[in-house]
């Protein structure tokens, strides 16, 4: 089984309803959206995204970039991106071994993405 199939199986076993989309494997957890973006050319690359957590505008762009930098520099493994020109996305990216136990890191990935989102919104509030 490849990483995508292992992840899909784990999510189903845990009661999630993963859906294949044009972008990857999408699912919800506690009302938040997640997206597994897989790379068929690199079976050891695991990238779980929290898409579209915030929208940037010309007025808030400097503050958003500051908040993204705070996330990138203080939350382990999490990266903040601007995607689709104006959407902030968070990503959990790691390399896994050739026989990954996805149950060991998917819950932590979700938790860390939530921590990254909290840090992002906290930094926005602090201005």
N, C-alpha and C. Protein backbone atom coordinates (compact mmCIF):
# COMPACT_ATOMS: atom_id res chain seq x y z
N UNK A 1 0.84 -1.19 0.00
CA UNK A 1 0.00 0.00 0.00
C UNK A 1 0.87 1.24 0.00
N UNK A 2 0.50 2.23 -0.79
CA UNK A 2 1.27 3.47 -0.80
C UNK A 2 0.77 4.42 0.29
N UNK A 3 1.46 5.54 0.46
CA UNK A 3 1.16 6.48 1.53
C UNK A 3 -0.27 7.02 1.44
N UNK A 4 -0.70 7.32 0.24
CA UNK A 4 -2.08 7.82 0.04
C UNK A 4 -3.09 6.76 0.50
N UNK A 5 -2.89 5.52 0.09
CA UNK A 5 -3.82 4.46 0.46
C UNK A 5 -3.80 4.19 1.97
N UNK A 6 -2.62 4.22 2.56
CA UNK A 6 -2.51 4.04 4.01
C UNK A 6 -3.25 5.15 4.75
N UNK A 7 -3.08 6.38 4.27
CA UNK A 7 -3.76 7.52 4.90
C UNK A 7 -5.26 7.39 4.75
N UNK A 8 -5.71 7.06 3.55
CA UNK A 8 -7.13 6.91 3.29
C UNK A 8 -7.73 5.82 4.20
N UNK A 9 -7.04 4.70 4.32
CA UNK A 9 -7.50 3.60 5.17
C UNK A 9 -7.57 4.05 6.63
N UNK A 10 -6.53 4.72 7.12
CA UNK A 10 -6.50 5.20 8.50
C UNK A 10 -7.68 6.15 8.76
N UNK A 11 -7.89 7.10 7.87
CA UNK A 11 -8.98 8.07 8.06
C UNK A 11 -10.33 7.38 8.12
N UNK A 12 -10.55 6.42 7.26
CA UNK A 12 -11.83 5.67 7.26
C UNK A 12 -11.99 4.90 8.57
N UNK A 13 -10.91 4.24 9.01
CA UNK A 13 -10.97 3.48 10.26
C UNK A 13 -11.24 4.37 11.47
N UNK A 14 -10.81 5.62 11.40
CA UNK A 14 -11.00 6.56 12.50
C UNK A 14 -12.33 7.31 12.41
N UNK A 15 -13.14 6.98 11.41
CA UNK A 15 -14.47 7.57 11.30
C UNK A 15 -14.55 8.83 10.46
N UNK A 16 -13.47 9.20 9.81
CA UNK A 16 -13.51 10.35 8.89
C UNK A 16 -14.07 9.88 7.56
N UNK A 17 -14.49 10.80 6.76
CA UNK A 17 -15.02 10.47 5.44
C UNK A 17 -14.16 11.14 4.37
N UNK A 18 -12.99 10.59 4.10
CA UNK A 18 -12.11 11.22 3.10
C UNK A 18 -12.73 11.16 1.71
N UNK A 19 -12.59 12.25 0.99
CA UNK A 19 -13.13 12.35 -0.36
C UNK A 19 -12.00 12.70 -1.31
N UNK A 20 -11.93 11.96 -2.40
CA UNK A 20 -10.94 12.27 -3.43
C UNK A 20 -11.40 13.51 -4.18
N UNK A 21 -10.52 14.50 -4.29
CA UNK A 21 -10.82 15.73 -5.05
C UNK A 21 -9.72 15.92 -6.09
N UNK A 22 -9.89 16.92 -6.92
CA UNK A 22 -8.86 17.20 -7.92
C UNK A 22 -7.55 17.65 -7.28
N UNK A 23 -7.60 18.10 -6.02
CA UNK A 23 -6.42 18.61 -5.33
C UNK A 23 -5.77 17.58 -4.44
N UNK A 24 -6.51 16.55 -4.05
CA UNK A 24 -5.98 15.54 -3.15
C UNK A 24 -7.10 14.91 -2.35
N UNK A 25 -6.76 14.36 -1.23
CA UNK A 25 -7.70 13.68 -0.36
C UNK A 25 -8.20 14.66 0.70
N UNK A 26 -9.48 15.01 0.65
CA UNK A 26 -10.05 16.00 1.56
C UNK A 26 -10.85 15.32 2.66
N UNK A 27 -10.78 15.90 3.87
CA UNK A 27 -11.60 15.40 4.97
C UNK A 27 -11.79 16.53 5.98
N UNK A 28 -12.74 16.33 6.88
CA UNK A 28 -13.01 17.30 7.94
C UNK A 28 -12.73 16.65 9.29
N UNK A 29 -12.29 17.49 10.20
CA UNK A 29 -12.06 17.07 11.58
C UNK A 29 -12.45 18.23 12.47
N UNK A 30 -13.40 18.01 13.35
CA UNK A 30 -13.87 19.03 14.27
C UNK A 30 -14.22 20.33 13.55
N UNK A 31 -14.89 20.18 12.42
CA UNK A 31 -15.38 21.33 11.66
C UNK A 31 -14.35 22.04 10.81
N UNK A 32 -13.12 21.55 10.81
CA UNK A 32 -12.06 22.18 10.00
C UNK A 32 -11.75 21.29 8.80
N UNK A 33 -11.37 21.94 7.71
CA UNK A 33 -11.04 21.23 6.47
C UNK A 33 -9.55 20.89 6.42
N UNK A 34 -9.27 19.72 5.89
CA UNK A 34 -7.89 19.26 5.69
C UNK A 34 -7.78 18.65 4.31
N UNK A 35 -6.58 18.71 3.77
CA UNK A 35 -6.35 18.21 2.42
C UNK A 35 -4.98 17.54 2.38
N UNK A 36 -4.97 16.26 2.05
CA UNK A 36 -3.72 15.54 1.85
C UNK A 36 -3.33 15.72 0.39
N UNK A 37 -2.20 16.35 0.18
CA UNK A 37 -1.68 16.53 -1.18
C UNK A 37 -0.56 15.53 -1.34
N UNK A 38 -0.74 14.59 -2.25
CA UNK A 38 0.25 13.53 -2.39
C UNK A 38 1.06 13.74 -3.66
N UNK A 39 2.23 13.16 -3.63
CA UNK A 39 3.17 13.27 -4.74
C UNK A 39 3.48 11.85 -5.21
N UNK A 40 2.93 11.48 -6.35
CA UNK A 40 3.14 10.12 -6.86
C UNK A 40 4.61 9.83 -7.15
N UNK A 41 5.41 10.87 -7.32
CA UNK A 41 6.83 10.69 -7.61
C UNK A 41 7.68 10.58 -6.34
N UNK A 42 7.08 10.84 -5.19
CA UNK A 42 7.82 10.77 -3.93
C UNK A 42 6.91 10.18 -2.86
N UNK A 43 6.95 8.87 -2.74
CA UNK A 43 6.07 8.15 -1.83
C UNK A 43 6.42 8.35 -0.36
N UNK A 44 7.50 9.05 -0.08
CA UNK A 44 7.87 9.28 1.31
C UNK A 44 7.58 10.71 1.77
N UNK A 45 6.97 11.49 0.90
CA UNK A 45 6.65 12.89 1.21
C UNK A 45 5.20 12.98 1.65
N UNK A 46 4.98 13.40 2.91
CA UNK A 46 3.64 13.54 3.46
C UNK A 46 3.35 15.02 3.65
N UNK A 47 2.30 15.50 3.01
CA UNK A 47 1.93 16.92 3.09
C UNK A 47 0.43 17.02 3.38
N UNK A 48 0.12 17.43 4.61
CA UNK A 48 -1.27 17.64 5.00
C UNK A 48 -1.49 19.14 5.15
N UNK A 49 -2.50 19.64 4.48
CA UNK A 49 -2.76 21.07 4.45
C UNK A 49 -4.06 21.41 5.19
N UNK A 50 -4.07 22.59 5.75
CA UNK A 50 -5.28 23.21 6.28
C UNK A 50 -5.55 24.39 5.34
N UNK A 51 -6.44 24.19 4.36
CA UNK A 51 -6.61 25.20 3.32
C UNK A 51 -7.49 26.38 3.74
N UNK A 52 -7.21 27.49 3.12
CA UNK A 52 -8.09 28.67 3.16
C UNK A 52 -8.48 29.10 4.57
N UNK A 53 -7.49 29.31 5.44
CA UNK A 53 -7.86 29.70 6.81
C UNK A 53 -8.10 31.20 6.93
N UNK A 54 -7.61 31.96 5.95
CA UNK A 54 -7.77 33.42 6.03
C UNK A 54 -7.56 34.00 4.64
N UNK A 55 -8.21 35.11 4.37
CA UNK A 55 -8.07 35.77 3.07
C UNK A 55 -7.28 37.07 3.24
N UNK A 56 -6.30 37.25 2.37
CA UNK A 56 -5.50 38.47 2.40
C UNK A 56 -6.13 39.53 1.50
N UNK A 57 -5.90 40.77 1.88
CA UNK A 57 -6.31 41.92 1.07
C UNK A 57 -5.13 42.88 1.02
N UNK A 58 -5.22 43.90 0.22
CA UNK A 58 -4.15 44.91 0.20
C UNK A 58 -4.01 45.56 1.57
N UNK A 59 -5.13 45.74 2.26
CA UNK A 59 -5.10 46.41 3.56
C UNK A 59 -4.46 45.58 4.66
N UNK A 60 -4.61 44.26 4.61
CA UNK A 60 -4.10 43.45 5.71
C UNK A 60 -2.84 42.66 5.36
N UNK A 61 -2.35 42.81 4.16
CA UNK A 61 -1.26 41.96 3.67
C UNK A 61 -0.02 42.01 4.57
N UNK A 62 0.41 43.19 5.01
CA UNK A 62 1.61 43.26 5.85
C UNK A 62 1.40 42.53 7.17
N UNK A 63 0.25 42.69 7.78
CA UNK A 63 -0.05 42.00 9.04
C UNK A 63 -0.13 40.49 8.81
N UNK A 64 -0.73 40.07 7.71
CA UNK A 64 -0.83 38.64 7.39
C UNK A 64 0.57 38.05 7.20
N UNK A 65 1.43 38.75 6.47
CA UNK A 65 2.79 38.26 6.27
C UNK A 65 3.55 38.16 7.60
N UNK A 66 3.32 39.12 8.48
CA UNK A 66 3.93 39.07 9.82
C UNK A 66 3.43 37.83 10.57
N UNK A 67 2.13 37.59 10.54
CA UNK A 67 1.55 36.44 11.25
C UNK A 67 2.07 35.13 10.65
N UNK A 68 2.18 35.08 9.34
CA UNK A 68 2.71 33.88 8.69
C UNK A 68 4.16 33.65 9.12
N UNK A 69 4.95 34.70 9.18
CA UNK A 69 6.34 34.57 9.61
C UNK A 69 6.43 34.06 11.04
N UNK A 70 5.54 34.53 11.91
CA UNK A 70 5.52 34.05 13.29
C UNK A 70 5.23 32.54 13.33
N UNK A 71 4.28 32.10 12.53
CA UNK A 71 3.98 30.66 12.47
C UNK A 71 5.20 29.90 11.96
N UNK A 72 5.76 30.35 10.86
CA UNK A 72 6.88 29.64 10.25
C UNK A 72 8.10 29.57 11.16
N UNK A 73 8.28 30.58 12.00
CA UNK A 73 9.47 30.60 12.84
C UNK A 73 9.26 30.01 14.23
N UNK A 74 8.02 29.77 14.62
CA UNK A 74 7.82 29.31 16.00
C UNK A 74 7.03 28.01 16.15
N UNK A 75 6.39 27.52 15.10
CA UNK A 75 5.61 26.28 15.20
C UNK A 75 6.34 25.20 14.41
N UNK A 76 6.78 24.16 15.11
CA UNK A 76 7.53 23.09 14.47
C UNK A 76 6.78 22.50 13.29
N UNK A 77 7.49 22.26 12.21
CA UNK A 77 7.05 21.51 11.03
C UNK A 77 5.97 22.23 10.21
N UNK A 78 5.33 23.24 10.74
CA UNK A 78 4.23 23.90 10.05
C UNK A 78 4.78 25.04 9.18
N UNK A 79 4.23 25.13 7.97
CA UNK A 79 4.57 26.21 7.05
C UNK A 79 3.28 26.94 6.68
N UNK A 80 3.36 28.26 6.65
CA UNK A 80 2.22 29.08 6.20
C UNK A 80 2.53 29.57 4.79
N UNK A 81 1.51 29.53 3.94
CA UNK A 81 1.64 29.91 2.54
C UNK A 81 0.52 30.86 2.15
N UNK A 82 0.75 31.63 1.11
CA UNK A 82 -0.35 32.31 0.42
C UNK A 82 -0.55 31.54 -0.87
N UNK A 83 -1.74 30.99 -1.02
CA UNK A 83 -2.09 30.19 -2.19
C UNK A 83 -3.24 30.88 -2.92
N UNK A 84 -3.39 30.54 -4.17
CA UNK A 84 -4.51 31.07 -4.98
C UNK A 84 -4.56 32.59 -4.90
N UNK A 85 -3.42 33.22 -4.83
CA UNK A 85 -3.23 34.66 -4.81
C UNK A 85 -3.58 35.37 -3.51
N UNK A 86 -4.58 34.87 -2.75
CA UNK A 86 -4.95 35.63 -1.56
C UNK A 86 -5.45 34.77 -0.38
N UNK A 87 -5.20 33.48 -0.41
CA UNK A 87 -5.65 32.61 0.68
C UNK A 87 -4.46 32.12 1.50
N UNK A 88 -4.58 32.20 2.81
CA UNK A 88 -3.55 31.64 3.68
C UNK A 88 -3.88 30.16 3.91
N UNK A 89 -2.90 29.34 3.66
CA UNK A 89 -2.98 27.90 3.91
C UNK A 89 -1.86 27.53 4.87
N UNK A 90 -2.10 26.52 5.69
CA UNK A 90 -1.05 25.97 6.55
C UNK A 90 -0.74 24.56 6.09
N UNK A 91 0.52 24.19 6.17
CA UNK A 91 0.93 22.86 5.76
C UNK A 91 1.80 22.18 6.79
N UNK A 92 1.59 20.89 6.93
CA UNK A 92 2.42 20.01 7.75
C UNK A 92 3.17 19.13 6.75
N UNK A 93 4.48 19.26 6.69
CA UNK A 93 5.26 18.53 5.70
C UNK A 93 6.39 17.76 6.37
N UNK A 94 6.42 16.46 6.11
CA UNK A 94 7.49 15.62 6.64
C UNK A 94 7.83 14.54 5.62
N UNK A 95 8.99 13.97 5.80
CA UNK A 95 9.39 12.79 5.05
C UNK A 95 9.21 11.60 5.98
N UNK A 96 8.63 10.54 5.46
CA UNK A 96 8.38 9.34 6.26
C UNK A 96 9.21 8.19 5.72
N UNK A 97 9.35 7.16 6.53
CA UNK A 97 10.12 6.02 6.05
C UNK A 97 9.30 5.21 5.06
N UNK A 98 9.87 4.15 4.55
CA UNK A 98 9.21 3.38 3.48
C UNK A 98 8.07 2.51 3.99
N UNK A 99 7.95 2.36 5.30
CA UNK A 99 6.83 1.60 5.88
C UNK A 99 6.19 2.42 6.99
N UNK A 100 5.58 3.54 6.64
CA UNK A 100 5.08 4.45 7.68
C UNK A 100 3.88 3.88 8.44
N UNK A 101 3.82 4.21 9.70
CA UNK A 101 2.65 3.92 10.52
C UNK A 101 1.92 5.26 10.64
N UNK A 102 0.97 5.49 9.73
CA UNK A 102 0.34 6.81 9.64
C UNK A 102 -0.40 7.19 10.91
N UNK A 103 -0.87 6.20 11.65
CA UNK A 103 -1.55 6.49 12.91
C UNK A 103 -0.63 7.12 13.94
N UNK A 104 0.68 7.01 13.72
CA UNK A 104 1.64 7.64 14.63
C UNK A 104 1.80 9.14 14.38
N UNK A 105 1.49 9.61 13.15
CA UNK A 105 1.74 11.03 12.89
C UNK A 105 0.54 11.82 12.37
N UNK A 106 -0.50 11.20 11.88
CA UNK A 106 -1.65 11.99 11.40
C UNK A 106 -2.32 12.75 12.54
N UNK A 107 -2.62 12.13 13.68
CA UNK A 107 -3.20 12.93 14.78
C UNK A 107 -2.31 14.10 15.20
N UNK A 108 -1.02 13.86 15.22
CA UNK A 108 -0.10 14.95 15.59
C UNK A 108 -0.09 16.03 14.51
N UNK A 109 -0.16 15.64 13.26
CA UNK A 109 -0.21 16.61 12.16
C UNK A 109 -1.43 17.51 12.31
N UNK A 110 -2.58 16.92 12.61
CA UNK A 110 -3.81 17.70 12.79
C UNK A 110 -3.65 18.65 13.98
N UNK A 111 -3.12 18.13 15.07
CA UNK A 111 -2.91 18.96 16.26
C UNK A 111 -1.96 20.12 15.98
N UNK A 112 -0.88 19.85 15.27
CA UNK A 112 0.09 20.89 14.98
C UNK A 112 -0.47 21.93 14.01
N UNK A 113 -1.28 21.50 13.04
CA UNK A 113 -1.93 22.46 12.16
C UNK A 113 -2.87 23.36 12.95
N UNK A 114 -3.60 22.79 13.89
CA UNK A 114 -4.47 23.60 14.74
C UNK A 114 -3.66 24.59 15.58
N UNK A 115 -2.52 24.15 16.08
CA UNK A 115 -1.64 25.04 16.83
C UNK A 115 -1.11 26.17 15.95
N UNK A 116 -0.79 25.85 14.71
CA UNK A 116 -0.35 26.87 13.78
C UNK A 116 -1.43 27.89 13.49
N UNK A 117 -2.67 27.41 13.35
CA UNK A 117 -3.80 28.32 13.11
C UNK A 117 -4.02 29.22 14.31
N UNK A 118 -3.92 28.65 15.54
CA UNK A 118 -4.07 29.48 16.74
C UNK A 118 -3.00 30.56 16.79
N UNK A 119 -1.76 30.19 16.49
CA UNK A 119 -0.67 31.16 16.50
C UNK A 119 -0.90 32.24 15.45
N UNK A 120 -1.36 31.86 14.28
CA UNK A 120 -1.63 32.82 13.22
C UNK A 120 -2.68 33.84 13.65
N UNK A 121 -3.80 33.34 14.16
CA UNK A 121 -4.89 34.25 14.55
C UNK A 121 -4.53 35.07 15.79
N UNK A 122 -3.77 34.50 16.70
CA UNK A 122 -3.30 35.25 17.88
C UNK A 122 -2.41 36.40 17.43
N UNK A 123 -1.51 36.16 16.51
CA UNK A 123 -0.62 37.19 16.01
C UNK A 123 -1.41 38.28 15.28
N UNK A 124 -2.41 37.88 14.52
CA UNK A 124 -3.26 38.88 13.86
C UNK A 124 -3.95 39.79 14.87
N UNK A 125 -4.46 39.18 15.94
CA UNK A 125 -5.15 39.95 16.98
C UNK A 125 -4.22 40.94 17.68
N UNK A 126 -3.00 40.49 17.91
CA UNK A 126 -2.03 41.35 18.60
C UNK A 126 -1.58 42.51 17.72
N UNK A 127 -1.77 42.34 16.41
CA UNK A 127 -1.42 43.39 15.46
C UNK A 127 0.02 43.57 15.35
